[in-house]
Amino acid sequence: MLQFFGLLGPRGLAGIAVAALGFAFFGDVIMEAGREVRATSHLPMLRQVAGRLTPLLDAVITFFLFGALSAMIAGAGSVLSQEFGIPWVAGAGMLALATVVTVLFGLRGVIAAISAVAPFLIASVLVVSLGILYVRGLSLGSPPAALTPAVPSWPLAGVTYISYNIVMSAPVLAALGGSLQSRRESGWSALAGTAGLTLSLLLVYLALVTSFPDVLRFEVPLAYLASSIHKLGGPLYTAVFLAEVYTTAVANLYGFAARLARPGSGGFRTTAAVAGALSMWAASAGFAKLVRVLYPAVGWAGLAFLLTLLAHFLRRTLTYRRRKQGR
C-alpha cells in the first residue's frame, strides 16, 4: 500500500478505485472459469481462458507464487524482529512451518484457514487504521519528493496492483470456483471479497499518508503507527500482519505445490515441504526489497494474464448473446 499508492500522495486514491473495479471483475472471471472446468489448480483454468498462451502464463504464475511465498516469510521475520526482538530466522521459520503444515491438509485446510482468519483480519485492520486516524487526524499528505513509488502513475499503479494480486490469488480463486455450484455464487463471492478488500485498502492508505514522513523509516509501517497510539497497538497489529502474511503464504504455497503435483499425493506433500524450506533461503533478501522488486515485476508480467481474462469474458459474452438470439 505504501509503495504502490501511499507514495503517489492524493493520486493514490484514484489508483485504489481502479484496483477495486479490477478485483471485482477479474476475480469473478477466474472463479467462473474455475467453476466451468471444476478446477483444482490454476492450470485447468488457464487452459480454459488462455489457449496457446497457457504455457507462458503457467510459468509466470508458478514462478511468482514461490516469490510471493518468500516475501511473506520475510515479512513475518521482519515484523517479529521489529516489534519483539525475536531473531529474524526464528520468526520466519515459525511462519514457514505453519504454512507447510496447513497446506499438507489440502484445499480444505487452505480454505478453512483463510475463512477463519479473514474476518478477524479485516476487522482488525479497520480498528487499527481508524484508531490511527482518530489520534493523528485525517490529512492527505504527500511523501518527500526524493522518494519514488513502485509504479510512477496512478492508472498504472492500479492496474499493476490488480495484476500482481490476481496472479497470486488465481490458483486459490480457480480452485474455489471449482467448488461452487452456480454462476450466482461466483459473482457474489467476487463482490463480497472486493468490498472487504477495498474498505481495508482505503483505510490503510489514509492511515499511511496521514503519518508522513514518520512511516517511511519502517519495514512494517502500520506496526509502528499502531504502537505509537496505544501500548497494545503494536502487538495487535503484529497479530493482524502475521494473519495477513500467513493467509497469503498458505494460498501461494498451495498454488505452487498443486501445480507441480496432484493435491493429496506424496509428491504434493514433498513439494510443499521442500518449497517451504527453500522459501526461507529466498526470504533472506529482506521483506521491503522483495516487495519493491518482485511485486511490480509480477504486476507487469501479469498484464498478459489480465488481457487473456478480458478476452475470455468477451468471447463468453458474445457466445451467450448469439445463443440467445438463435432461440
C-alpha atoms as a PDB file:
ATOM      1  CA  MET A   1       0.000   0.000   0.000  1.00  0.00           C
ATOM      2  CA  LEU A   2       2.810   2.412   0.854  1.00  0.00           C
ATOM      3  CA  GLN A   3       4.895   1.684  -2.218  1.00  0.00           C
ATOM      4  CA  PHE A   4       2.061   1.396  -4.744  1.00  0.00           C
ATOM      5  CA  PHE A   5      -0.364   4.084  -3.534  1.00  0.00           C
ATOM      6  CA  GLY A   6       0.960   5.939  -0.491  1.00  0.00           C
ATOM      7  CA  LEU A   7       3.999   7.315  -2.316  1.00  0.00           C
ATOM      8  CA  LEU A   8       1.661   8.704  -5.008  1.00  0.00           C
ATOM      9  CA  GLY A   9       0.144  11.061  -2.448  1.00  0.00           C
ATOM     10  CA  PRO A  10      -3.508  12.087  -3.069  1.00  0.00           C
ATOM     11  CA  ARG A  11      -3.420  10.443  -6.521  1.00  0.00           C
ATOM     12  CA  GLY A  12      -3.227   7.092  -4.745  1.00  0.00           C
ATOM     13  CA  LEU A  13      -6.987   7.290  -4.108  1.00  0.00           C
ATOM     14  CA  ALA A  14      -7.660   7.061  -7.836  1.00  0.00           C
ATOM     15  CA  GLY A  15      -5.333   4.072  -8.068  1.00  0.00           C
ATOM     16  CA  ILE A  16      -7.272   2.315  -5.299  1.00  0.00           C
ATOM     17  CA  ALA A  17     -10.539   2.904  -7.189  1.00  0.00           C
ATOM     18  CA  VAL A  18      -9.030   1.257 -10.283  1.00  0.00           C
ATOM     19  CA  ALA A  19      -7.854  -1.685  -8.186  1.00  0.00           C
ATOM     20  CA  ALA A  20     -11.306  -2.179  -6.652  1.00  0.00           C
ATOM     21  CA  LEU A  21     -13.010  -2.429 -10.047  1.00  0.00           C
ATOM     22  CA  GLY A  22     -10.372  -4.866 -11.260  1.00  0.00           C
ATOM     23  CA  PHE A  23     -10.661  -7.133  -8.221  1.00  0.00           C
ATOM     24  CA  ALA A  24     -14.419  -7.473  -8.687  1.00  0.00           C
ATOM     25  CA  PHE A  25     -14.267  -8.107 -12.419  1.00  0.00           C
ATOM     26  CA  PHE A  26     -11.251 -10.402 -12.741  1.00  0.00           C
ATOM     27  CA  GLY A  27     -11.988 -12.290  -9.530  1.00  0.00           C
ATOM     28  CA  ASP A  28     -15.396 -13.163 -10.909  1.00  0.00           C
ATOM     29  CA  VAL A  29     -13.996 -14.223 -14.309  1.00  0.00           C
ATOM     30  CA  ILE A  30     -11.418 -16.549 -12.688  1.00  0.00           C
ATOM     31  CA  MET A  31     -13.889 -18.183 -10.299  1.00  0.00           C
ATOM     32  CA  GLU A  32     -16.438 -18.687 -13.054  1.00  0.00           C
ATOM     33  CA  ALA A  33     -13.804 -20.210 -15.360  1.00  0.00           C
ATOM     34  CA  GLY A  34     -12.713 -22.482 -12.496  1.00  0.00           C
ATOM     35  CA  ARG A  35     -16.330 -23.472 -11.892  1.00  0.00           C
ATOM     36  CA  GLU A  36     -16.831 -24.359 -15.567  1.00  0.00           C
ATOM     37  CA  VAL A  37     -13.902 -26.818 -15.619  1.00  0.00           C
ATOM     38  CA  ARG A  38     -14.081 -27.921 -11.947  1.00  0.00           C
ATOM     39  CA  ALA A  39     -10.501 -26.731 -11.433  1.00  0.00           C
ATOM     40  CA  THR A  40      -8.294 -27.908  -8.553  1.00  0.00           C
ATOM     41  CA  SER A  41      -5.315 -25.715  -9.554  1.00  0.00           C
ATOM     42  CA  HIS A  42      -4.707 -22.771 -11.866  1.00  0.00           C
ATOM     43  CA  LEU A  43      -3.692 -24.916 -14.877  1.00  0.00           C
ATOM     44  CA  PRO A  44      -7.199 -26.111 -15.945  1.00  0.00           C
ATOM     45  CA  MET A  45      -8.463 -22.543 -15.556  1.00  0.00           C
ATOM     46  CA  LEU A  46      -5.605 -21.231 -17.712  1.00  0.00           C
ATOM     47  CA  ARG A  47      -6.372 -23.775 -20.430  1.00  0.00           C
ATOM     48  CA  GLN A  48      -9.952 -22.548 -20.378  1.00  0.00           C
ATOM     49  CA  VAL A  49      -9.097 -18.858 -20.738  1.00  0.00           C
ATOM     50  CA  ALA A  50      -5.620 -18.563 -22.300  1.00  0.00           C
ATOM     51  CA  GLY A  51      -5.346 -21.145 -25.100  1.00  0.00           C
ATOM     52  CA  ARG A  52      -1.885 -21.002 -26.685  1.00  0.00           C
ATOM     53  CA  LEU A  53      -0.578 -18.629 -24.028  1.00  0.00           C
ATOM     54  CA  THR A  54      -1.158 -21.225 -21.308  1.00  0.00           C
ATOM     55  CA  PRO A  55       2.478 -22.487 -21.046  1.00  0.00           C
ATOM     56  CA  LEU A  56       3.869 -18.938 -20.741  1.00  0.00           C
ATOM     57  CA  LEU A  57       1.315 -17.774 -18.188  1.00  0.00           C
ATOM     58  CA  ASP A  58       1.625 -21.026 -16.276  1.00  0.00           C
ATOM     59  CA  ALA A  59       5.387 -20.498 -15.939  1.00  0.00           C
ATOM     60  CA  VAL A  60       4.934 -16.869 -14.834  1.00  0.00           C
ATOM     61  CA  ILE A  61       2.288 -17.682 -12.226  1.00  0.00           C
ATOM     62  CA  THR A  62       4.150 -20.700 -10.843  1.00  0.00           C
ATOM     63  CA  PHE A  63       7.438 -18.794 -10.515  1.00  0.00           C
ATOM     64  CA  PHE A  64       5.879 -15.787  -8.830  1.00  0.00           C
ATOM     65  CA  LEU A  65       3.850 -17.921  -6.433  1.00  0.00           C
ATOM     66  CA  PHE A  66       7.147 -19.030  -4.966  1.00  0.00           C
ATOM     67  CA  GLY A  67       8.470 -15.459  -4.987  1.00  0.00           C
ATOM     68  CA  ALA A  68       5.452 -14.127  -3.088  1.00  0.00           C
ATOM     69  CA  LEU A  69       5.675 -17.010  -0.623  1.00  0.00           C
ATOM     70  CA  SER A  70       9.274 -15.937   0.090  1.00  0.00           C
ATOM     71  CA  ALA A  71       8.185 -12.310   0.563  1.00  0.00           C
ATOM     72  CA  MET A  72       5.595 -13.370   3.143  1.00  0.00           C
ATOM     73  CA  ILE A  73       8.139 -15.470   5.043  1.00  0.00           C
ATOM     74  CA  ALA A  74      10.481 -12.443   5.057  1.00  0.00           C
ATOM     75  CA  GLY A  75       7.649 -10.206   6.286  1.00  0.00           C
ATOM     76  CA  ALA A  76       6.950 -12.450   9.258  1.00  0.00           C
ATOM     77  CA  GLY A  77      10.605 -12.423  10.247  1.00  0.00           C
ATOM     78  CA  SER A  78      10.771  -8.626   9.883  1.00  0.00           C
ATOM     79  CA  VAL A  79       7.708  -7.764  11.969  1.00  0.00           C
ATOM     80  CA  LEU A  80       8.579 -10.161  14.804  1.00  0.00           C
ATOM     81  CA  SER A  81      12.107  -8.781  14.900  1.00  0.00           C
ATOM     82  CA  GLN A  82      10.903  -5.157  14.731  1.00  0.00           C
ATOM     83  CA  GLU A  83       8.244  -5.470  17.440  1.00  0.00           C
ATOM     84  CA  PHE A  84       9.568  -8.151  19.815  1.00  0.00           C
ATOM     85  CA  GLY A  85      13.256  -8.557  19.075  1.00  0.00           C
ATOM     86  CA  ILE A  86      12.776 -12.177  18.013  1.00  0.00           C
ATOM     87  CA  PRO A  87      15.638 -13.276  15.726  1.00  0.00           C
ATOM     88  CA  TRP A  88      14.623 -12.994  12.074  1.00  0.00           C
ATOM     89  CA  VAL A  89      15.388 -16.649  11.356  1.00  0.00           C
ATOM     90  CA  ALA A  90      13.162 -17.817  14.211  1.00  0.00           C
ATOM     91  CA  GLY A  91      10.203 -15.651  13.187  1.00  0.00           C
ATOM     92  CA  ALA A  92      10.474 -16.556   9.510  1.00  0.00           C
ATOM     93  CA  GLY A  93      10.882 -20.224  10.366  1.00  0.00           C
ATOM     94  CA  MET A  94       7.720 -20.273  12.500  1.00  0.00           C
ATOM     95  CA  LEU A  95       5.609 -18.898   9.659  1.00  0.00           C
ATOM     96  CA  ALA A  96       7.195 -21.253   7.128  1.00  0.00           C
ATOM     97  CA  LEU A  97       6.412 -24.237   9.352  1.00  0.00           C
ATOM     98  CA  ALA A  98       2.803 -23.130   9.992  1.00  0.00           C
ATOM     99  CA  THR A  99       2.298 -22.587   6.259  1.00  0.00           C
ATOM    100  CA  VAL A 100       3.606 -26.008   5.269  1.00  0.00           C
ATOM    101  CA  VAL A 101       1.539 -27.790   7.930  1.00  0.00           C
ATOM    102  CA  THR A 102      -1.660 -26.029   6.784  1.00  0.00           C
ATOM    103  CA  VAL A 103      -1.066 -26.830   3.119  1.00  0.00           C
ATOM    104  CA  LEU A 104      -0.494 -30.503   3.918  1.00  0.00           C
ATOM    105  CA  PHE A 105      -4.199 -30.681   4.828  1.00  0.00           C
ATOM    106  CA  GLY A 106      -5.044 -29.847   1.181  1.00  0.00           C
ATOM    107  CA  LEU A 107      -7.536 -27.374  -0.278  1.00  0.00           C
ATOM    108  CA  ARG A 108      -9.995 -27.827   2.589  1.00  0.00           C
ATOM    109  CA  GLY A 109      -7.287 -26.858   5.052  1.00  0.00           C
ATOM    110  CA  VAL A 110      -6.336 -23.816   2.986  1.00  0.00           C
ATOM    111  CA  ILE A 111      -9.928 -22.581   2.649  1.00  0.00           C
ATOM    112  CA  ALA A 112     -10.627 -23.270   6.334  1.00  0.00           C
ATOM    113  CA  ALA A 113      -7.539 -21.291   7.392  1.00  0.00           C
ATOM    114  CA  ILE A 114      -8.325 -18.316   5.168  1.00  0.00           C
ATOM    115  CA  SER A 115     -12.024 -18.343   6.082  1.00  0.00           C
ATOM    116  CA  ALA A 116     -11.221 -18.363   9.792  1.00  0.00           C
ATOM    117  CA  VAL A 117      -8.622 -15.601   9.603  1.00  0.00           C
ATOM    118  CA  ALA A 118     -10.151 -13.226   7.030  1.00  0.00           C
ATOM    119  CA  PRO A 119     -12.990 -11.726   9.155  1.00  0.00           C
ATOM    120  CA  PHE A 120     -10.580 -11.119  12.057  1.00  0.00           C
ATOM    121  CA  LEU A 121      -8.031  -9.678   9.642  1.00  0.00           C
ATOM    122  CA  ILE A 122     -10.402  -7.186   8.033  1.00  0.00           C
ATOM    123  CA  ALA A 123     -11.979  -6.139  11.345  1.00  0.00           C
ATOM    124  CA  SER A 124      -8.581  -5.625  12.970  1.00  0.00           C
ATOM    125  CA  VAL A 125      -7.216  -3.608  10.050  1.00  0.00           C
ATOM    126  CA  LEU A 126     -10.266  -1.350  10.286  1.00  0.00           C
ATOM    127  CA  VAL A 127      -9.827  -0.896  14.057  1.00  0.00           C
ATOM    128  CA  VAL A 128      -6.096  -0.134  13.814  1.00  0.00           C
ATOM    129  CA  SER A 129      -6.466   2.244  10.853  1.00  0.00           C
ATOM    130  CA  LEU A 130      -9.419   4.093  12.394  1.00  0.00           C
ATOM    131  CA  GLY A 131      -7.502   4.374  15.677  1.00  0.00           C
ATOM    132  CA  ILE A 132      -4.527   5.934  13.877  1.00  0.00           C
ATOM    133  CA  LEU A 133      -6.803   8.396  12.065  1.00  0.00           C
ATOM    134  CA  TYR A 134      -8.601   9.272  15.307  1.00  0.00           C
ATOM    135  CA  VAL A 135      -5.373  10.067  17.171  1.00  0.00           C
ATOM    136  CA  ARG A 136      -3.464  11.751  14.344  1.00  0.00           C
ATOM    137  CA  GLY A 137      -6.331  13.334  12.431  1.00  0.00           C
ATOM    138  CA  LEU A 138      -7.027  12.915   8.722  1.00  0.00           C
ATOM    139  CA  SER A 139      -4.843  14.621   6.138  1.00  0.00           C
ATOM    140  CA  LEU A 140      -3.849  13.680   2.602  1.00  0.00           C
ATOM    141  CA  GLY A 141      -0.124  14.209   2.993  1.00  0.00           C
ATOM    142  CA  SER A 142       2.424  13.939   0.222  1.00  0.00           C
ATOM    143  CA  PRO A 143       5.663  11.969   0.541  1.00  0.00           C
ATOM    144  CA  PRO A 144       9.100  13.588   0.244  1.00  0.00           C
ATOM    145  CA  ALA A 145       9.935  14.386  -3.370  1.00  0.00           C
ATOM    146  CA  ALA A 146      13.066  12.241  -3.236  1.00  0.00           C
ATOM    147  CA  LEU A 147      11.000   9.068  -2.822  1.00  0.00           C
ATOM    148  CA  THR A 148       9.506   7.441  -5.885  1.00  0.00           C
ATOM    149  CA  PRO A 149       6.570   4.986  -5.896  1.00  0.00           C
ATOM    150  CA  ALA A 150       6.925   1.443  -7.155  1.00  0.00           C
ATOM    151  CA  VAL A 151       4.885   2.435 -10.252  1.00  0.00           C
ATOM    152  CA  PRO A 152       5.009   6.098 -11.364  1.00  0.00           C
ATOM    153  CA  SER A 153       1.378   6.909 -12.285  1.00  0.00           C
ATOM    154  CA  TRP A 154      -1.936   6.112 -10.600  1.00  0.00           C
ATOM    155  CA  PRO A 155      -3.605   4.309 -13.559  1.00  0.00           C
ATOM    156  CA  LEU A 156      -0.571   2.043 -13.962  1.00  0.00           C
ATOM    157  CA  ALA A 157      -0.296   1.600 -10.193  1.00  0.00           C
ATOM    158  CA  GLY A 158      -3.932   0.484 -10.026  1.00  0.00           C
ATOM    159  CA  VAL A 159      -3.617  -1.927 -12.960  1.00  0.00           C
ATOM    160  CA  THR A 160      -0.293  -3.336 -11.743  1.00  0.00           C
ATOM    161  CA  TYR A 161      -1.689  -3.804  -8.240  1.00  0.00           C
ATOM    162  CA  ILE A 162      -4.658  -5.698  -9.726  1.00  0.00           C
ATOM    163  CA  SER A 163      -2.310  -7.747 -11.856  1.00  0.00           C
ATOM    164  CA  TYR A 164       0.035  -8.991  -9.160  1.00  0.00           C
ATOM    165  CA  ASN A 165      -2.797  -9.690  -6.718  1.00  0.00           C
ATOM    166  CA  ILE A 166      -4.775 -11.602  -9.344  1.00  0.00           C
ATOM    167  CA  VAL A 167      -1.691 -13.585 -10.388  1.00  0.00           C
ATOM    168  CA  MET A 168      -1.038 -14.563  -6.779  1.00  0.00           C
ATOM    169  CA  SER A 169      -4.650 -15.390  -5.952  1.00  0.00           C
ATOM    170  CA  ALA A 170      -5.537 -17.139  -9.233  1.00  0.00           C
ATOM    171  CA  PRO A 171      -4.705 -20.689  -8.038  1.00  0.00           C
ATOM    172  CA  VAL A 172      -6.948 -20.483  -4.973  1.00  0.00           C
ATOM    173  CA  LEU A 173      -9.669 -18.498  -6.779  1.00  0.00           C
ATOM    174  CA  ALA A 174      -9.731 -21.094  -9.573  1.00  0.00           C
ATOM    175  CA  ALA A 175      -9.877 -23.988  -7.097  1.00  0.00           C
ATOM    176  CA  LEU A 176     -12.526 -22.177  -5.053  1.00  0.00           C
ATOM    177  CA  GLY A 177     -14.545 -21.610  -8.231  1.00  0.00           C
ATOM    178  CA  GLY A 178     -14.275 -25.325  -8.923  1.00  0.00           C
ATOM    179  CA  SER A 179     -16.121 -25.968  -5.660  1.00  0.00           C
ATOM    180  CA  LEU A 180     -19.003 -23.542  -6.391  1.00  0.00           C
ATOM    181  CA  GLN A 181     -22.332 -24.676  -7.768  1.00  0.00           C
ATOM    182  CA  SER A 182     -23.680 -21.693  -9.703  1.00  0.00           C
ATOM    183  CA  ARG A 183     -22.830 -18.536 -11.621  1.00  0.00           C
ATOM    184  CA  ARG A 184     -24.590 -16.562  -8.908  1.00  0.00           C
ATOM    185  CA  GLU A 185     -22.243 -17.883  -6.222  1.00  0.00           C
ATOM    186  CA  SER A 186     -19.092 -16.819  -8.071  1.00  0.00           C
ATOM    187  CA  GLY A 187     -20.499 -13.347  -8.730  1.00  0.00           C
ATOM    188  CA  TRP A 188     -21.490 -12.691  -5.125  1.00  0.00           C
ATOM    189  CA  SER A 189     -18.183 -14.119  -3.884  1.00  0.00           C
ATOM    190  CA  ALA A 190     -16.258 -11.655  -6.065  1.00  0.00           C
ATOM    191  CA  LEU A 191     -18.353  -8.699  -4.884  1.00  0.00           C
ATOM    192  CA  ALA A 192     -18.139  -9.608  -1.195  1.00  0.00           C
ATOM    193  CA  GLY A 193     -14.386 -10.118  -1.322  1.00  0.00           C
ATOM    194  CA  THR A 194     -13.879  -6.859  -3.205  1.00  0.00           C
ATOM    195  CA  ALA A 195     -15.967  -4.886  -0.699  1.00  0.00           C
ATOM    196  CA  GLY A 196     -13.863  -6.065   2.246  1.00  0.00           C
ATOM    197  CA  LEU A 197     -10.594  -5.512   0.399  1.00  0.00           C
ATOM    198  CA  THR A 198     -11.484  -2.038  -0.827  1.00  0.00           C
ATOM    199  CA  LEU A 199     -12.554  -0.765   2.574  1.00  0.00           C
ATOM    200  CA  SER A 200      -9.342  -2.134   4.093  1.00  0.00           C
ATOM    201  CA  LEU A 201      -7.173  -0.641   1.334  1.00  0.00           C
ATOM    202  CA  LEU A 202      -8.758   2.776   1.714  1.00  0.00           C
ATOM    203  CA  LEU A 203      -8.326   2.978   5.482  1.00  0.00           C
ATOM    204  CA  VAL A 204      -4.746   1.669   5.405  1.00  0.00           C
ATOM    205  CA  TYR A 205      -3.897   4.230   2.709  1.00  0.00           C
ATOM    206  CA  LEU A 206      -5.386   7.074   4.760  1.00  0.00           C
ATOM    207  CA  ALA A 207      -3.515   5.963   7.889  1.00  0.00           C
ATOM    208  CA  LEU A 208      -0.236   5.904   5.953  1.00  0.00           C
ATOM    209  CA  VAL A 209      -0.488   9.252   4.141  1.00  0.00           C
ATOM    210  CA  THR A 210      -1.707  10.946   7.327  1.00  0.00           C
ATOM    211  CA  SER A 211       1.508   9.834   9.012  1.00  0.00           C
ATOM    212  CA  PHE A 212       4.158  11.040   6.555  1.00  0.00           C
ATOM    213  CA  PRO A 213       7.134  11.188   6.966  1.00  0.00           C
ATOM    214  CA  ASP A 214       7.362   9.064  10.141  1.00  0.00           C
ATOM    215  CA  VAL A 215       6.197   5.845   8.471  1.00  0.00           C
ATOM    216  CA  LEU A 216       8.932   5.887   5.845  1.00  0.00           C
ATOM    217  CA  ARG A 217      11.582   4.623   8.284  1.00  0.00           C
ATOM    218  CA  PHE A 218       9.989   1.237   8.958  1.00  0.00           C
ATOM    219  CA  GLU A 219       9.698  -2.048   7.060  1.00  0.00           C
ATOM    220  CA  VAL A 220       6.203  -2.590   8.514  1.00  0.00           C
ATOM    221  CA  PRO A 221       4.817   0.969   8.872  1.00  0.00           C
ATOM    222  CA  LEU A 222       1.413   0.201  10.410  1.00  0.00           C
ATOM    223  CA  ALA A 223       3.007  -1.783  13.217  1.00  0.00           C
ATOM    224  CA  TYR A 224       4.966   1.331  14.192  1.00  0.00           C
ATOM    225  CA  LEU A 225       1.887   3.573  13.915  1.00  0.00           C
ATOM    226  CA  ALA A 226      -0.217   1.197  15.974  1.00  0.00           C
ATOM    227  CA  SER A 227       2.466   1.183  18.698  1.00  0.00           C
ATOM    228  CA  SER A 228       2.554   4.987  18.711  1.00  0.00           C
ATOM    229  CA  ILE A 229      -1.153   5.389  19.535  1.00  0.00           C
ATOM    230  CA  HIS A 230      -1.597   2.705  22.213  1.00  0.00           C
ATOM    231  CA  LYS A 231       0.600   0.329  24.176  1.00  0.00           C
ATOM    232  CA  LEU A 232      -1.416  -2.613  22.851  1.00  0.00           C
ATOM    233  CA  GLY A 233      -1.482  -1.272  19.298  1.00  0.00           C
ATOM    234  CA  GLY A 234       1.825  -2.813  18.255  1.00  0.00           C
ATOM    235  CA  PRO A 235       1.024  -6.349  19.457  1.00  0.00           C
ATOM    236  CA  LEU A 236      -2.467  -6.108  17.912  1.00  0.00           C
ATOM    237  CA  TYR A 237      -1.221  -5.046  14.508  1.00  0.00           C
ATOM    238  CA  THR A 238       1.602  -7.563  14.649  1.00  0.00           C
ATOM    239  CA  ALA A 239      -1.069 -10.257  15.055  1.00  0.00           C
ATOM    240  CA  VAL A 240      -3.003  -8.753  12.127  1.00  0.00           C
ATOM    241  CA  PHE A 241       0.087  -8.573   9.936  1.00  0.00           C
ATOM    242  CA  LEU A 242       1.044 -12.151  10.744  1.00  0.00           C
ATOM    243  CA  ALA A 243      -2.503 -13.240   9.886  1.00  0.00           C
ATOM    244  CA  GLU A 244      -2.191 -11.406   6.567  1.00  0.00           C
ATOM    245  CA  VAL A 245       1.126 -12.936   5.606  1.00  0.00           C
ATOM    246  CA  TYR A 246       0.025 -16.376   6.859  1.00  0.00           C
ATOM    247  CA  THR A 247      -3.093 -16.492   4.668  1.00  0.00           C
ATOM    248  CA  THR A 248      -1.149 -15.182   1.667  1.00  0.00           C
ATOM    249  CA  ALA A 249       1.693 -17.644   2.215  1.00  0.00           C
ATOM    250  CA  VAL A 250      -0.753 -20.549   2.544  1.00  0.00           C
ATOM    251  CA  ALA A 251      -2.514 -19.613  -0.696  1.00  0.00           C
ATOM    252  CA  ASN A 252       0.771 -19.223  -2.571  1.00  0.00           C
ATOM    253  CA  LEU A 253       2.333 -22.436  -1.310  1.00  0.00           C
ATOM    254  CA  TYR A 254      -0.818 -24.425  -2.059  1.00  0.00           C
ATOM    255  CA  GLY A 255      -0.972 -22.984  -5.587  1.00  0.00           C
ATOM    256  CA  PHE A 256       2.707 -23.712  -6.195  1.00  0.00           C
ATOM    257  CA  ALA A 257       2.587 -27.283  -4.873  1.00  0.00           C
ATOM    258  CA  ALA A 258      -0.752 -28.085  -6.564  1.00  0.00           C
ATOM    259  CA  ARG A 259       0.694 -27.054  -9.917  1.00  0.00           C
ATOM    260  CA  LEU A 260       3.704 -29.358  -9.583  1.00  0.00           C
ATOM    261  CA  ALA A 261       1.988 -32.377  -8.014  1.00  0.00           C
ATOM    262  CA  ARG A 262      -1.521 -33.764  -7.587  1.00  0.00           C
ATOM    263  CA  PRO A 263      -3.083 -32.474  -4.338  1.00  0.00           C
ATOM    264  CA  GLY A 264      -3.216 -35.170  -1.690  1.00  0.00           C
ATOM    265  CA  SER A 265      -0.391 -37.222  -3.194  1.00  0.00           C
ATOM    266  CA  GLY A 266       3.002 -37.959  -1.667  1.00  0.00           C
ATOM    267  CA  GLY A 267       4.591 -35.765  -4.321  1.00  0.00           C
ATOM    268  CA  PHE A 268       2.371 -32.864  -3.276  1.00  0.00           C
ATOM    269  CA  ARG A 269       3.434 -33.175   0.355  1.00  0.00           C
ATOM    270  CA  THR A 270       7.107 -33.414  -0.591  1.00  0.00           C
ATOM    271  CA  THR A 271       6.845 -30.414  -2.916  1.00  0.00           C
ATOM    272  CA  ALA A 272       5.149 -28.319  -0.232  1.00  0.00           C
ATOM    273  CA  ALA A 273       7.803 -29.179   2.358  1.00  0.00           C
ATOM    274  CA  VAL A 274      10.750 -28.529   0.028  1.00  0.00           C
ATOM    275  CA  ALA A 275       9.265 -25.258  -1.252  1.00  0.00           C
ATOM    276  CA  GLY A 276       8.681 -24.114   2.327  1.00  0.00           C
ATOM    277  CA  ALA A 277      12.318 -24.783   3.196  1.00  0.00           C
ATOM    278  CA  LEU A 278      13.644 -23.072   0.054  1.00  0.00           C
ATOM    279  CA  SER A 279      11.475 -20.024   0.696  1.00  0.00           C
ATOM    280  CA  MET A 280      13.476 -19.392   3.886  1.00  0.00           C
ATOM    281  CA  TRP A 281      16.624 -19.011   1.802  1.00  0.00           C
ATOM    282  CA  ALA A 282      14.949 -16.711  -0.737  1.00  0.00           C
ATOM    283  CA  ALA A 283      13.360 -14.647   2.053  1.00  0.00           C
ATOM    284  CA  SER A 284      16.793 -13.652   3.367  1.00  0.00           C
ATOM    285  CA  ALA A 285      16.825 -10.891   0.711  1.00  0.00           C
ATOM    286  CA  GLY A 286      14.523  -8.881   3.021  1.00  0.00           C
ATOM    287  CA  PHE A 287      10.814  -8.046   3.043  1.00  0.00           C
ATOM    288  CA  ALA A 288      10.891  -4.441   1.777  1.00  0.00           C
ATOM    289  CA  LYS A 289      13.308  -5.314  -1.031  1.00  0.00           C
ATOM    290  CA  LEU A 290      11.255  -8.305  -2.153  1.00  0.00           C
ATOM    291  CA  VAL A 291       8.044  -6.238  -2.188  1.00  0.00           C
ATOM    292  CA  ARG A 292       9.640  -3.372  -4.113  1.00  0.00           C
ATOM    293  CA  VAL A 293      11.369  -5.555  -6.724  1.00  0.00           C
ATOM    294  CA  LEU A 294       9.176  -8.651  -7.022  1.00  0.00           C
ATOM    295  CA  TYR A 295       5.658  -7.259  -6.828  1.00  0.00           C
ATOM    296  CA  PRO A 296       5.897  -4.665  -9.635  1.00  0.00           C
ATOM    297  CA  ALA A 297       7.601  -7.338 -11.765  1.00  0.00           C
ATOM    298  CA  VAL A 298       4.714  -9.717 -11.073  1.00  0.00           C
ATOM    299  CA  GLY A 299       2.295  -6.947 -11.964  1.00  0.00           C
ATOM    300  CA  TRP A 300       3.883  -6.189 -15.311  1.00  0.00           C
ATOM    301  CA  ALA A 301       4.205  -9.869 -16.219  1.00  0.00           C
ATOM    302  CA  GLY A 302       0.605 -10.461 -15.168  1.00  0.00           C
ATOM    303  CA  LEU A 303      -0.793  -7.894 -17.582  1.00  0.00           C
ATOM    304  CA  ALA A 304      -0.869 -10.575 -20.279  1.00  0.00           C
ATOM    305  CA  PHE A 305      -2.935 -12.699 -17.897  1.00  0.00           C
ATOM    306  CA  LEU A 306      -5.443  -9.879 -17.381  1.00  0.00           C
ATOM    307  CA  LEU A 307      -5.770  -9.448 -21.139  1.00  0.00           C
ATOM    308  CA  THR A 308      -6.492 -13.159 -21.605  1.00  0.00           C
ATOM    309  CA  LEU A 309      -9.142 -12.993 -18.867  1.00  0.00           C
ATOM    310  CA  LEU A 310     -10.738  -9.985 -20.549  1.00  0.00           C
ATOM    311  CA  ALA A 311     -10.688 -11.735 -23.940  1.00  0.00           C
ATOM    312  CA  HIS A 312     -12.263 -14.848 -22.400  1.00  0.00           C
ATOM    313  CA  PHE A 313     -15.020 -12.758 -20.824  1.00  0.00           C
ATOM    314  CA  LEU A 314     -15.761 -11.045 -24.156  1.00  0.00           C
ATOM    315  CA  ARG A 315     -15.839 -14.361 -26.020  1.00  0.00           C
ATOM    316  CA  ARG A 316     -18.142 -15.903 -23.444  1.00  0.00           C
ATOM    317  CA  THR A 317     -20.462 -12.886 -23.519  1.00  0.00           C
ATOM    318  CA  LEU A 318     -20.587 -12.897 -27.317  1.00  0.00           C
ATOM    319  CA  THR A 319     -21.321 -16.636 -27.417  1.00  0.00           C
ATOM    320  CA  TYR A 320     -24.124 -16.221 -24.884  1.00  0.00           C
ATOM    321  CA  ARG A 321     -25.735 -13.435 -26.918  1.00  0.00           C
ATOM    322  CA  ARG A 322     -25.545 -15.444 -30.126  1.00  0.00           C
ATOM    323  CA  ARG A 323     -27.207 -18.416 -28.470  1.00  0.00           C
ATOM    324  CA  LYS A 324     -29.895 -16.171 -27.046  1.00  0.00           C
ATOM    325  CA  GLN A 325     -30.541 -14.614 -30.463  1.00  0.00           C
ATOM    326  CA  GLY A 326     -30.628 -18.082 -32.030  1.00  0.00           C
ATOM    327  CA  ARG A 327     -33.545 -19.013 -29.818  1.00  0.00           C
END
